[in-house]
Every structure is written in structure tokens, then in C-alpha cells.
Amino acid sequence: MKYPLAVSLVTILLNNPSFADEFIISQKDLNFNPPIKVVKPGDKVIFKNDDTVVHNIISLTDEFKFDLGEFKPGTSRSVQFKSKGVVDVECTVHPGMKMTIFVF
């Protein structure tokens, strides 16, 4: 490899949490908005309850298990993704409420 130091530096910078972004997923009218989201490792996804009912957001993907617990309208919860993969998300209170997050 011609520039191993440069490649190493770029890899470190891209994987550094200080370069992470935050994305808001709204929960409104018993739907996730947007229903599909692409993020990168280190990014934080904030689930904001803009609905009139309680939600409980969980991951259905074994490699990315999380359960954000029930949260009331007007509140939010977040999760940070540390590795690449596809995450299927659901509301346990409203099982028809689903979305997918692609971490790449």
C-alpha cells in the first residue's frame, strides 16, 4: 500500500464518535417517519414521540438488541449504533409499527 498512514488516519477519523451524527425518527400517527433510515457506525438515532400515545421501541435484530422502554408523548429516547448491519425496529405497544435502520 502506498499511503498506509493516510489510510489509517482516515479510518480512525471516520470511526471516531466525535464525527458522529444525530438523526431524529419521529413517531406520529402510529408510524415511524422516516420508515427507513441509513446511518453510519457511531451515529445516534433519537426516537421522538410526536404521537398522542405511549410507545416502546425495540430492536428485533439479535446483533443490535435494545429496548428503549415505554415513553410518553413529547419525550424521546436514543440509541447509538457502533457497528455495521441492518436493524429491524418495532414498537411493542403497536406491533404494526415497524422500520428498518441500515448502519453502513
PDB file of N, CA and C in Angstrom:
ATOM      1  N   MET A   1       0.845  -1.175   0.000  1.00  0.00           N
ATOM      2  CA  MET A   1       0.000   0.000   0.000  1.00  0.00           C
ATOM      3  C   MET A   1       0.886   1.233   0.000  1.00  0.00           C
ATOM      4  N   LYS A   2       0.524   2.194  -0.800  1.00  0.00           N
ATOM      5  CA  LYS A   2       1.365   3.371  -0.991  1.00  0.00           C
ATOM      6  C   LYS A   2       1.255   4.385   0.154  1.00  0.00           C
ATOM      7  N   TYR A   3       0.071   4.507   0.765  1.00  0.00           N
ATOM      8  CA  TYR A   3      -0.147   5.511   1.809  1.00  0.00           C
ATOM      9  C   TYR A   3      -0.783   4.895   3.057  1.00  0.00           C
ATOM     10  N   PRO A   4      -0.117   3.966   3.722  1.00  0.00           N
ATOM     11  CA  PRO A   4      -0.739   3.291   4.861  1.00  0.00           C
ATOM     12  C   PRO A   4      -1.073   4.238   6.015  1.00  0.00           C
ATOM     13  N   LEU A   5      -0.242   5.227   6.256  1.00  0.00           N
ATOM     14  CA  LEU A   5      -0.505   6.168   7.346  1.00  0.00           C
ATOM     15  C   LEU A   5      -1.762   6.986   7.048  1.00  0.00           C
ATOM     16  N   ALA A   6      -1.898   7.445   5.824  1.00  0.00           N
ATOM     17  CA  ALA A   6      -3.073   8.236   5.445  1.00  0.00           C
ATOM     18  C   ALA A   6      -4.343   7.402   5.553  1.00  0.00           C
ATOM     19  N   VAL A   7      -4.298   6.154   5.112  1.00  0.00           N
ATOM     20  CA  VAL A   7      -5.458   5.277   5.196  1.00  0.00           C
ATOM     21  C   VAL A   7      -5.823   5.021   6.654  1.00  0.00           C
ATOM     22  N   SER A   8      -4.827   4.796   7.489  1.00  0.00           N
ATOM     23  CA  SER A   8      -5.069   4.577   8.916  1.00  0.00           C
ATOM     24  C   SER A   8      -5.700   5.802   9.556  1.00  0.00           C
ATOM     25  N   LEU A   9      -5.208   6.972   9.228  1.00  0.00           N
ATOM     26  CA  LEU A   9      -5.728   8.212   9.788  1.00  0.00           C
ATOM     27  C   LEU A   9      -7.186   8.428   9.363  1.00  0.00           C
ATOM     28  N   VAL A  10      -7.490   8.216   8.103  1.00  0.00           N
ATOM     29  CA  VAL A  10      -8.862   8.371   7.622  1.00  0.00           C
ATOM     30  C   VAL A  10      -9.778   7.376   8.330  1.00  0.00           C
ATOM     31  N   THR A  11      -9.336   6.142   8.500  1.00  0.00           N
ATOM     32  CA  THR A  11     -10.131   5.128   9.185  1.00  0.00           C
ATOM     33  C   THR A  11     -10.419   5.545  10.618  1.00  0.00           C
ATOM     34  N   ILE A  12      -9.420   6.040  11.310  1.00  0.00           N
ATOM     35  CA  ILE A  12      -9.600   6.494  12.691  1.00  0.00           C
ATOM     36  C   ILE A  12     -10.585   7.659  12.743  1.00  0.00           C
ATOM     37  N   LEU A  13     -10.426   8.621  11.860  1.00  0.00           N
ATOM     38  CA  LEU A  13     -11.299   9.793  11.863  1.00  0.00           C
ATOM     39  C   LEU A  13     -12.745   9.430  11.560  1.00  0.00           C
ATOM     40  N   LEU A  14     -12.968   8.532  10.613  1.00  0.00           N
ATOM     41  CA  LEU A  14     -14.334   8.156  10.251  1.00  0.00           C
ATOM     42  C   LEU A  14     -15.009   7.332  11.327  1.00  0.00           C
ATOM     43  N   ASN A  15     -14.233   6.603  12.113  1.00  0.00           N
ATOM     44  CA  ASN A  15     -14.801   5.778  13.173  1.00  0.00           C
ATOM     45  C   ASN A  15     -14.810   6.486  14.521  1.00  0.00           C
ATOM     46  N   ASN A  16     -14.388   7.725  14.560  1.00  0.00           N
ATOM     47  CA  ASN A  16     -14.326   8.494  15.790  1.00  0.00           C
ATOM     48  C   ASN A  16     -15.719   9.006  16.133  1.00  0.00           C
ATOM     49  N   PRO A  17     -16.210   8.729  17.360  1.00  0.00           N
ATOM     50  CA  PRO A  17     -17.545   9.178  17.747  1.00  0.00           C
ATOM     51  C   PRO A  17     -17.722  10.691  17.680  1.00  0.00           C
ATOM     52  N   SER A  18     -16.645  11.452  17.750  1.00  0.00           N
ATOM     53  CA  SER A  18     -16.790  12.902  17.687  1.00  0.00           C
ATOM     54  C   SER A  18     -17.261  13.345  16.301  1.00  0.00           C
ATOM     55  N   PHE A  19     -17.178  12.481  15.310  1.00  0.00           N
ATOM     56  CA  PHE A  19     -17.665  12.779  13.973  1.00  0.00           C
ATOM     57  C   PHE A  19     -19.045  12.146  13.741  1.00  0.00           C
ATOM     58  N   ALA A  20     -19.633  11.654  14.807  1.00  0.00           N
ATOM     59  CA  ALA A  20     -20.942  11.006  14.694  1.00  0.00           C
ATOM     60  C   ALA A  20     -22.031  12.056  14.485  1.00  0.00           C
ATOM     61  N   ASP A  21     -23.067  11.645  13.795  1.00  0.00           N
ATOM     62  CA  ASP A  21     -24.232  12.495  13.571  1.00  0.00           C
ATOM     63  C   ASP A  21     -25.381  12.003  14.430  1.00  0.00           C
ATOM     64  N   GLU A  22     -26.377  12.868  14.588  1.00  0.00           N
ATOM     65  CA  GLU A  22     -27.612  12.505  15.262  1.00  0.00           C
ATOM     66  C   GLU A  22     -28.758  12.629  14.268  1.00  0.00           C
ATOM     67  N   PHE A  23     -29.654  11.650  14.316  1.00  0.00           N
ATOM     68  CA  PHE A  23     -30.802  11.637  13.425  1.00  0.00           C
ATOM     69  C   PHE A  23     -32.062  11.457  14.252  1.00  0.00           C
ATOM     70  N   ILE A  24     -33.087  12.210  13.926  1.00  0.00           N
ATOM     71  CA  ILE A  24     -34.358  12.107  14.647  1.00  0.00           C
ATOM     72  C   ILE A  24     -35.348  11.290  13.816  1.00  0.00           C
ATOM     73  N   ILE A  25     -35.923  10.286  14.477  1.00  0.00           N
ATOM     74  CA  ILE A  25     -37.009   9.499  13.902  1.00  0.00           C
ATOM     75  C   ILE A  25     -38.265   9.887  14.678  1.00  0.00           C
ATOM     76  N   SER A  26     -39.225  10.458  13.982  1.00  0.00           N
ATOM     77  CA  SER A  26     -40.477  10.858  14.614  1.00  0.00           C
ATOM     78  C   SER A  26     -41.438   9.680  14.657  1.00  0.00           C
ATOM     79  N   GLN A  27     -42.179   9.598  15.745  1.00  0.00           N
ATOM     80  CA  GLN A  27     -43.266   8.630  15.855  1.00  0.00           C
ATOM     81  C   GLN A  27     -44.556   9.434  15.887  1.00  0.00           C
ATOM     82  N   LYS A  28     -45.331   9.322  14.839  1.00  0.00           N
ATOM     83  CA  LYS A  28     -46.543  10.124  14.694  1.00  0.00           C
ATOM     84  C   LYS A  28     -47.590   9.308  13.957  1.00  0.00           C
ATOM     85  N   ASP A  29     -48.822   9.360  14.427  1.00  0.00           N
ATOM     86  CA  ASP A  29     -49.927   8.624  13.807  1.00  0.00           C
ATOM     87  C   ASP A  29     -49.614   7.140  13.670  1.00  0.00           C
ATOM     88  N   LEU A  30     -48.960   6.586  14.702  1.00  0.00           N
ATOM     89  CA  LEU A  30     -48.598   5.168  14.768  1.00  0.00           C
ATOM     90  C   LEU A  30     -47.694   4.733  13.621  1.00  0.00           C
ATOM     91  N   ASN A  31     -46.810   5.640  13.198  1.00  0.00           N
ATOM     92  CA  ASN A  31     -45.826   5.351  12.149  1.00  0.00           C
ATOM     93  C   ASN A  31     -44.478   5.938  12.534  1.00  0.00           C
ATOM     94  N   PHE A  32     -43.430   5.330  11.997  1.00  0.00           N
ATOM     95  CA  PHE A  32     -42.093   5.904  12.086  1.00  0.00           C
ATOM     96  C   PHE A  32     -41.898   6.804  10.872  1.00  0.00           C
ATOM     97  N   ASN A  33     -41.312   7.955  11.083  1.00  0.00           N
ATOM     98  CA  ASN A  33     -41.031   8.855   9.972  1.00  0.00           C
ATOM     99  C   ASN A  33     -39.594   9.354  10.079  1.00  0.00           C
ATOM    100  N   PRO A  34     -38.728   8.924   9.177  1.00  0.00           N
ATOM    101  CA  PRO A  34     -38.968   8.071   8.018  1.00  0.00           C
ATOM    102  C   PRO A  34     -38.988   6.590   8.419  1.00  0.00           C
ATOM    103  N   PRO A  35     -39.610   5.736   7.602  1.00  0.00           N
ATOM    104  CA  PRO A  35     -39.663   4.305   7.919  1.00  0.00           C
ATOM    105  C   PRO A  35     -38.378   3.556   7.589  1.00  0.00           C
ATOM    106  N   ILE A  36     -37.490   4.197   6.833  1.00  0.00           N
ATOM    107  CA  ILE A  36     -36.175   3.625   6.505  1.00  0.00           C
ATOM    108  C   ILE A  36     -35.147   4.722   6.721  1.00  0.00           C
ATOM    109  N   LYS A  37     -34.050   4.386   7.409  1.00  0.00           N
ATOM    110  CA  LYS A  37     -33.003   5.366   7.671  1.00  0.00           C
ATOM    111  C   LYS A  37     -31.646   4.714   7.473  1.00  0.00           C
ATOM    112  N   VAL A  38     -30.723   5.445   6.864  1.00  0.00           N
ATOM    113  CA  VAL A  38     -29.348   4.983   6.692  1.00  0.00           C
ATOM    114  C   VAL A  38     -28.457   5.858   7.565  1.00  0.00           C
ATOM    115  N   VAL A  39     -27.655   5.213   8.415  1.00  0.00           N
ATOM    116  CA  VAL A  39     -26.715   5.912   9.294  1.00  0.00           C
ATOM    117  C   VAL A  39     -25.360   5.221   9.194  1.00  0.00           C
ATOM    118  N   LYS A  40     -24.373   5.788   9.856  1.00  0.00           N
ATOM    119  CA  LYS A  40     -23.052   5.154   9.880  1.00  0.00           C
ATOM    120  C   LYS A  40     -22.718   4.736  11.314  1.00  0.00           C
ATOM    121  N   PRO A  41     -21.785   3.813  11.485  1.00  0.00           N
ATOM    122  CA  PRO A  41     -21.390   3.424  12.835  1.00  0.00           C
ATOM    123  C   PRO A  41     -20.963   4.654  13.640  1.00  0.00           C
ATOM    124  N   GLY A  42     -21.417   4.715  14.866  1.00  0.00           N
ATOM    125  CA  GLY A  42     -21.135   5.848  15.742  1.00  0.00           C
ATOM    126  C   GLY A  42     -22.274   6.851  15.799  1.00  0.00           C
ATOM    127  N   ASP A  43     -23.159   6.813  14.809  1.00  0.00           N
ATOM    128  CA  ASP A  43     -24.282   7.743  14.789  1.00  0.00           C
ATOM    129  C   ASP A  43     -25.301   7.396  15.871  1.00  0.00           C
ATOM    130  N   LYS A  44     -26.012   8.436  16.311  1.00  0.00           N
ATOM    131  CA  LYS A  44     -27.070   8.275  17.303  1.00  0.00           C
ATOM    132  C   LYS A  44     -28.414   8.521  16.615  1.00  0.00           C
ATOM    133  N   VAL A  45     -29.364   7.638  16.893  1.00  0.00           N
ATOM    134  CA  VAL A  45     -30.725   7.801  16.392  1.00  0.00           C
ATOM    135  C   VAL A  45     -31.610   8.136  17.588  1.00  0.00           C
ATOM    136  N   ILE A  46     -32.308   9.255  17.471  1.00  0.00           N
ATOM    137  CA  ILE A  46     -33.210   9.714  18.526  1.00  0.00           C
ATOM    138  C   ILE A  46     -34.634   9.427  18.082  1.00  0.00           C
ATOM    139  N   PHE A  47     -35.344   8.654  18.883  1.00  0.00           N
ATOM    140  CA  PHE A  47     -36.741   8.347  18.614  1.00  0.00           C
ATOM    141  C   PHE A  47     -37.575   9.343  19.407  1.00  0.00           C
ATOM    142  N   LYS A  48     -38.278  10.220  18.695  1.00  0.00           N
ATOM    143  CA  LYS A  48     -39.064  11.280  19.315  1.00  0.00           C
ATOM    144  C   LYS A  48     -40.546  10.938  19.216  1.00  0.00           C
ATOM    145  N   ASN A  49     -41.207  10.882  20.365  1.00  0.00           N
ATOM    146  CA  ASN A  49     -42.626  10.545  20.389  1.00  0.00           C
ATOM    147  C   ASN A  49     -43.449  11.814  20.133  1.00  0.00           C
ATOM    148  N   ASP A  50     -43.813  12.012  18.873  1.00  0.00           N
ATOM    149  CA  ASP A  50     -44.665  13.125  18.469  1.00  0.00           C
ATOM    150  C   ASP A  50     -46.121  12.693  18.378  1.00  0.00           C
ATOM    151  N   ASP A  51     -46.412  11.547  18.942  1.00  0.00           N
ATOM    152  CA  ASP A  51     -47.741  10.960  18.867  1.00  0.00           C
ATOM    153  C   ASP A  51     -48.544  11.352  20.112  1.00  0.00           C
ATOM    154  N   THR A  52     -49.767  10.855  20.185  1.00  0.00           N
ATOM    155  CA  THR A  52     -50.627  11.120  21.342  1.00  0.00           C
ATOM    156  C   THR A  52     -50.702   9.927  22.278  1.00  0.00           C
ATOM    157  N   VAL A  53     -49.906   8.897  21.985  1.00  0.00           N
ATOM    158  CA  VAL A  53     -49.925   7.658  22.770  1.00  0.00           C
ATOM    159  C   VAL A  53     -48.501   7.263  23.160  1.00  0.00           C
ATOM    160  N   VAL A  54     -48.416   6.350  24.121  1.00  0.00           N
ATOM    161  CA  VAL A  54     -47.132   5.814  24.584  1.00  0.00           C
ATOM    162  C   VAL A  54     -46.562   4.868  23.534  1.00  0.00           C
ATOM    163  N   HIS A  55     -45.227   4.846  23.395  1.00  0.00           N
ATOM    164  CA  HIS A  55     -44.548   3.901  22.521  1.00  0.00           C
ATOM    165  C   HIS A  55     -43.438   3.192  23.295  1.00  0.00           C
ATOM    166  N   ASN A  56     -43.062   1.997  22.853  1.00  0.00           N
ATOM    167  CA  ASN A  56     -41.916   1.260  23.391  1.00  0.00           C
ATOM    168  C   ASN A  56     -41.158   0.680  22.203  1.00  0.00           C
ATOM    169  N   ILE A  57     -39.994   1.234  21.911  1.00  0.00           N
ATOM    170  CA  ILE A  57     -39.233   0.877  20.722  1.00  0.00           C
ATOM    171  C   ILE A  57     -38.191  -0.185  21.064  1.00  0.00           C
ATOM    172  N   ILE A  58     -38.184  -1.256  20.272  1.00  0.00           N
ATOM    173  CA  ILE A  58     -37.210  -2.337  20.461  1.00  0.00           C
ATOM    174  C   ILE A  58     -36.572  -2.699  19.118  1.00  0.00           C
ATOM    175  N   SER A  59     -35.427  -3.358  19.225  1.00  0.00           N
ATOM    176  CA  SER A  59     -34.789  -3.941  18.047  1.00  0.00           C
ATOM    177  C   SER A  59     -35.182  -5.403  17.963  1.00  0.00           C
ATOM    178  N   LEU A  60     -35.515  -5.842  16.767  1.00  0.00           N
ATOM    179  CA  LEU A  60     -35.822  -7.252  16.524  1.00  0.00           C
ATOM    180  C   LEU A  60     -34.597  -8.011  16.013  1.00  0.00           C
ATOM    181  N   THR A  61     -33.469  -7.310  15.864  1.00  0.00           N
ATOM    182  CA  THR A  61     -32.246  -7.881  15.296  1.00  0.00           C
ATOM    183  C   THR A  61     -31.309  -8.304  16.417  1.00  0.00           C
ATOM    184  N   ASP A  62     -30.955  -9.592  16.461  1.00  0.00           N
ATOM    185  CA  ASP A  62     -30.136 -10.137  17.553  1.00  0.00           C
ATOM    186  C   ASP A  62     -28.828  -9.379  17.762  1.00  0.00           C
ATOM    187  N   GLU A  63     -28.170  -8.981  16.677  1.00  0.00           N
ATOM    188  CA  GLU A  63     -26.871  -8.314  16.803  1.00  0.00           C
ATOM    189  C   GLU A  63     -26.981  -6.880  17.326  1.00  0.00           C
ATOM    190  N   PHE A  64     -28.181  -6.326  17.364  1.00  0.00           N
ATOM    191  CA  PHE A  64     -28.383  -4.930  17.778  1.00  0.00           C
ATOM    192  C   PHE A  64     -29.516  -4.815  18.799  1.00  0.00           C
ATOM    193  N   LYS A  65     -29.575  -5.705  19.760  1.00  0.00           N
ATOM    194  CA  LYS A  65     -30.682  -5.726  20.704  1.00  0.00           C
ATOM    195  C   LYS A  65     -30.736  -4.444  21.535  1.00  0.00           C
ATOM    196  N   PHE A  66     -31.921  -3.832  21.602  1.00  0.00           N
ATOM    197  CA  PHE A  66     -32.182  -2.741  22.538  1.00  0.00           C
ATOM    198  C   PHE A  66     -33.675  -2.677  22.806  1.00  0.00           C
ATOM    199  N   ASP A  67     -34.015  -2.151  23.963  1.00  0.00           N
ATOM    200  CA  ASP A  67     -35.397  -1.930  24.374  1.00  0.00           C
ATOM    201  C   ASP A  67     -35.409  -0.575  25.065  1.00  0.00           C
ATOM    202  N   LEU A  68     -36.027   0.407  24.439  1.00  0.00           N
ATOM    203  CA  LEU A  68     -35.998   1.768  24.966  1.00  0.00           C
ATOM    204  C   LEU A  68     -37.046   2.016  26.049  1.00  0.00           C
ATOM    205  N   GLY A  69     -37.869   1.013  26.339  1.00  0.00           N
ATOM    206  CA  GLY A  69     -38.893   1.178  27.370  1.00  0.00           C
ATOM    207  C   GLY A  69     -40.014   2.085  26.888  1.00  0.00           C
ATOM    208  N   GLU A  70     -41.088   2.094  27.657  1.00  0.00           N
ATOM    209  CA  GLU A  70     -42.223   2.940  27.281  1.00  0.00           C
ATOM    210  C   GLU A  70     -41.881   4.404  27.511  1.00  0.00           C
ATOM    211  N   PHE A  71     -42.240   5.230  26.534  1.00  0.00           N
ATOM    212  CA  PHE A  71     -42.067   6.666  26.739  1.00  0.00           C
ATOM    213  C   PHE A  71     -43.262   7.434  26.199  1.00  0.00           C
ATOM    214  N   LYS A  72     -43.612   8.462  26.966  1.00  0.00           N
ATOM    215  CA  LYS A  72     -44.833   9.229  26.755  1.00  0.00           C
ATOM    216  C   LYS A  72     -44.708  10.214  25.603  1.00  0.00           C
ATOM    217  N   PRO A  73     -45.856  10.700  25.124  1.00  0.00           N
ATOM    218  CA  PRO A  73     -45.846  11.745  24.101  1.00  0.00           C
ATOM    219  C   PRO A  73     -45.012  12.944  24.561  1.00  0.00           C
ATOM    220  N   GLY A  74     -44.262  13.513  23.614  1.00  0.00           N
ATOM    221  CA  GLY A  74     -43.436  14.675  23.921  1.00  0.00           C
ATOM    222  C   GLY A  74     -42.058  14.343  24.453  1.00  0.00           C
ATOM    223  N   THR A  75     -41.768  13.054  24.644  1.00  0.00           N
ATOM    224  CA  THR A  75     -40.447  12.657  25.135  1.00  0.00           C
ATOM    225  C   THR A  75     -39.690  11.908  24.043  1.00  0.00           C
ATOM    226  N   SER A  76     -38.419  11.651  24.298  1.00  0.00           N
ATOM    227  CA  SER A  76     -37.611  10.924  23.317  1.00  0.00           C
ATOM    228  C   SER A  76     -36.627  10.004  24.024  1.00  0.00           C
ATOM    229  N   ARG A  77     -36.147   9.038  23.273  1.00  0.00           N
ATOM    230  CA  ARG A  77     -35.111   8.095  23.716  1.00  0.00           C
ATOM    231  C   ARG A  77     -34.159   7.903  22.547  1.00  0.00           C
ATOM    232  N   SER A  78     -32.922   7.508  22.848  1.00  0.00           N
ATOM    233  CA  SER A  78     -31.951   7.367  21.764  1.00  0.00           C
ATOM    234  C   SER A  78     -31.144   6.080  21.889  1.00  0.00           C
ATOM    235  N   VAL A  79     -30.533   5.728  20.772  1.00  0.00           N
ATOM    236  CA  VAL A  79     -29.639   4.571  20.715  1.00  0.00           C
ATOM    237  C   VAL A  79     -28.501   4.924  19.755  1.00  0.00           C
ATOM    238  N   GLN A  80     -27.298   4.490  20.107  1.00  0.00           N
ATOM    239  CA  GLN A  80     -26.135   4.729  19.256  1.00  0.00           C
ATOM    240  C   GLN A  80     -25.699   3.397  18.661  1.00  0.00           C
ATOM    241  N   PHE A  81     -25.445   3.413  17.345  1.00  0.00           N
ATOM    242  CA  PHE A  81     -25.049   2.200  16.640  1.00  0.00           C
ATOM    243  C   PHE A  81     -23.545   2.184  16.460  1.00  0.00           C
ATOM    244  N   LYS A  82     -22.899   1.131  16.957  1.00  0.00           N
ATOM    245  CA  LYS A  82     -21.434   1.064  16.956  1.00  0.00           C
ATOM    246  C   LYS A  82     -20.856   0.231  15.831  1.00  0.00           C
ATOM    247  N   SER A  83     -21.685  -0.579  15.187  1.00  0.00           N
ATOM    248  CA  SER A  83     -21.161  -1.434  14.122  1.00  0.00           C
ATOM    249  C   SER A  83     -22.149  -1.477  12.950  1.00  0.00           C
ATOM    250  N   LYS A  84     -21.666  -1.989  11.837  1.00  0.00           N
ATOM    251  CA  LYS A  84     -22.467  -2.049  10.610  1.00  0.00           C
ATOM    252  C   LYS A  84     -23.473  -3.189  10.665  1.00  0.00           C
ATOM    253  N   GLY A  85     -24.584  -2.991   9.967  1.00  0.00           N
ATOM    254  CA  GLY A  85     -25.593  -4.031   9.881  1.00  0.00           C
ATOM    255  C   GLY A  85     -26.962  -3.450   9.564  1.00  0.00           C
ATOM    256  N   VAL A  86     -27.957  -4.318   9.590  1.00  0.00           N
ATOM    257  CA  VAL A  86     -29.334  -3.928   9.322  1.00  0.00           C
ATOM    258  C   VAL A  86     -30.140  -4.185  10.597  1.00  0.00           C
ATOM    259  N   VAL A  87     -30.873  -3.172  11.040  1.00  0.00           N
ATOM    260  CA  VAL A  87     -31.615  -3.249  12.294  1.00  0.00           C
ATOM    261  C   VAL A  87     -33.111  -3.120  12.010  1.00  0.00           C
ATOM    262  N   ASP A  88     -33.857  -4.145  12.366  1.00  0.00           N
ATOM    263  CA  ASP A  88     -35.318  -4.093  12.261  1.00  0.00           C
ATOM    264  C   ASP A  88     -35.872  -3.603  13.593  1.00  0.00           C
ATOM    265  N   VAL A  89     -36.704  -2.570  13.522  1.00  0.00           N
ATOM    266  CA  VAL A  89     -37.212  -1.890  14.718  1.00  0.00           C
ATOM    267  C   VAL A  89     -38.727  -2.005  14.748  1.00  0.00           C
ATOM    268  N   GLU A  90     -39.275  -2.132  15.973  1.00  0.00           N
ATOM    269  CA  GLU A  90     -40.716  -2.255  16.139  1.00  0.00           C
ATOM    270  C   GLU A  90     -41.136  -1.582  17.435  1.00  0.00           C
ATOM    271  N   CYS A  91     -42.382  -1.149  17.478  1.00  0.00           N
ATOM    272  CA  CYS A  91     -42.992  -0.669  18.715  1.00  0.00           C
ATOM    273  C   CYS A  91     -43.753  -1.843  19.326  1.00  0.00           C
ATOM    274  N   THR A  92     -43.443  -2.203  20.569  1.00  0.00           N
ATOM    275  CA  THR A  92     -44.118  -3.349  21.190  1.00  0.00           C
ATOM    276  C   THR A  92     -45.563  -3.033  21.544  1.00  0.00           C
ATOM    277  N   VAL A  93     -45.878  -1.762  21.719  1.00  0.00           N
ATOM    278  CA  VAL A  93     -47.249  -1.368  22.032  1.00  0.00           C
ATOM    279  C   VAL A  93     -48.121  -1.432  20.775  1.00  0.00           C
ATOM    280  N   HIS A  94     -47.496  -1.157  19.621  1.00  0.00           N
ATOM    281  CA  HIS A  94     -48.190  -1.146  18.331  1.00  0.00           C
ATOM    282  C   HIS A  94     -47.400  -2.008  17.346  1.00  0.00           C
ATOM    283  N   PRO A  95     -47.567  -3.334  17.370  1.00  0.00           N
ATOM    284  CA  PRO A  95     -46.729  -4.243  16.579  1.00  0.00           C
ATOM    285  C   PRO A  95     -46.718  -4.004  15.071  1.00  0.00           C
ATOM    286  N   GLY A  96     -47.694  -3.298  14.536  1.00  0.00           N
ATOM    287  CA  GLY A  96     -47.683  -2.983  13.112  1.00  0.00           C
ATOM    288  C   GLY A  96     -46.773  -1.813  12.778  1.00  0.00           C
ATOM    289  N   MET A  97     -46.216  -1.189  13.797  1.00  0.00           N
ATOM    290  CA  MET A  97     -45.351  -0.020  13.645  1.00  0.00           C
ATOM    291  C   MET A  97     -43.907  -0.515  13.534  1.00  0.00           C
ATOM    292  N   LYS A  98     -43.371  -0.505  12.315  1.00  0.00           N
ATOM    293  CA  LYS A  98     -42.042  -1.073  12.062  1.00  0.00           C
ATOM    294  C   LYS A  98     -41.218  -0.132  11.198  1.00  0.00           C
ATOM    295  N   MET A  99     -39.910  -0.269  11.304  1.00  0.00           N
ATOM    296  CA  MET A  99     -38.983   0.462  10.446  1.00  0.00           C
ATOM    297  C   MET A  99     -37.685  -0.316  10.339  1.00  0.00           C
ATOM    298  N   THR A 100     -36.811   0.111   9.421  1.00  0.00           N
ATOM    299  CA  THR A 100     -35.503  -0.510   9.256  1.00  0.00           C
ATOM    300  C   THR A 100     -34.430   0.578   9.251  1.00  0.00           C
ATOM    301  N   ILE A 101     -33.350   0.293   9.972  1.00  0.00           N
ATOM    302  CA  ILE A 101     -32.197   1.194  10.009  1.00  0.00           C
ATOM    303  C   ILE A 101     -31.014   0.441   9.412  1.00  0.00           C
ATOM    304  N   PHE A 102     -30.398   1.040   8.391  1.00  0.00           N
ATOM    305  CA  PHE A 102     -29.211   0.483   7.762  1.00  0.00           C
ATOM    306  C   PHE A 102     -28.004   1.224   8.314  1.00  0.00           C
ATOM    307  N   VAL A 103     -27.080   0.490   8.939  1.00  0.00           N
ATOM    308  CA  VAL A 103     -25.874   1.094   9.506  1.00  0.00           C
ATOM    309  C   VAL A 103     -24.713   0.711   8.608  1.00  0.00           C
ATOM    310  N   PHE A 104     -24.205   1.704   7.801  1.00  0.00           N
ATOM    311  CA  PHE A 104     -23.129   1.451   6.852  1.00  0.00           C
ATOM    312  C   PHE A 104     -22.147   2.581   6.828  1.00  0.00           C
TER     313      PHE A 104
END
